[in-house]
Amino acid sequence: MAEKAFIFDMDGVIIDSEKLHSITKVQAIRSFGVEVREAELNLESYVGRSAKSFFSDVIAKYPELGDDW
């Protein structure tokens, strides 16, 4: 019987994707017409937290995103 394996990567163990997540979050906000800099978002405080937490705070900070966000 062939052996089977499953690799589960907790972020930062094999690949650290935090920088990629930061870039993508900024691009997503900009795609809705809000010109924002990464430094304004305090992204370091969201490491290990859910995307829902981050985007809930973003919507509160930038109401011009509207209901379509």
Foldseek 3Di string as FASTA:
>chain_A
DDDDDDDDDDAPPPHPCLVVVLVVVQVVVVVLPDNDDSVVQPSVVCVVHDPVVSVVVVCVVCVVSDPVD
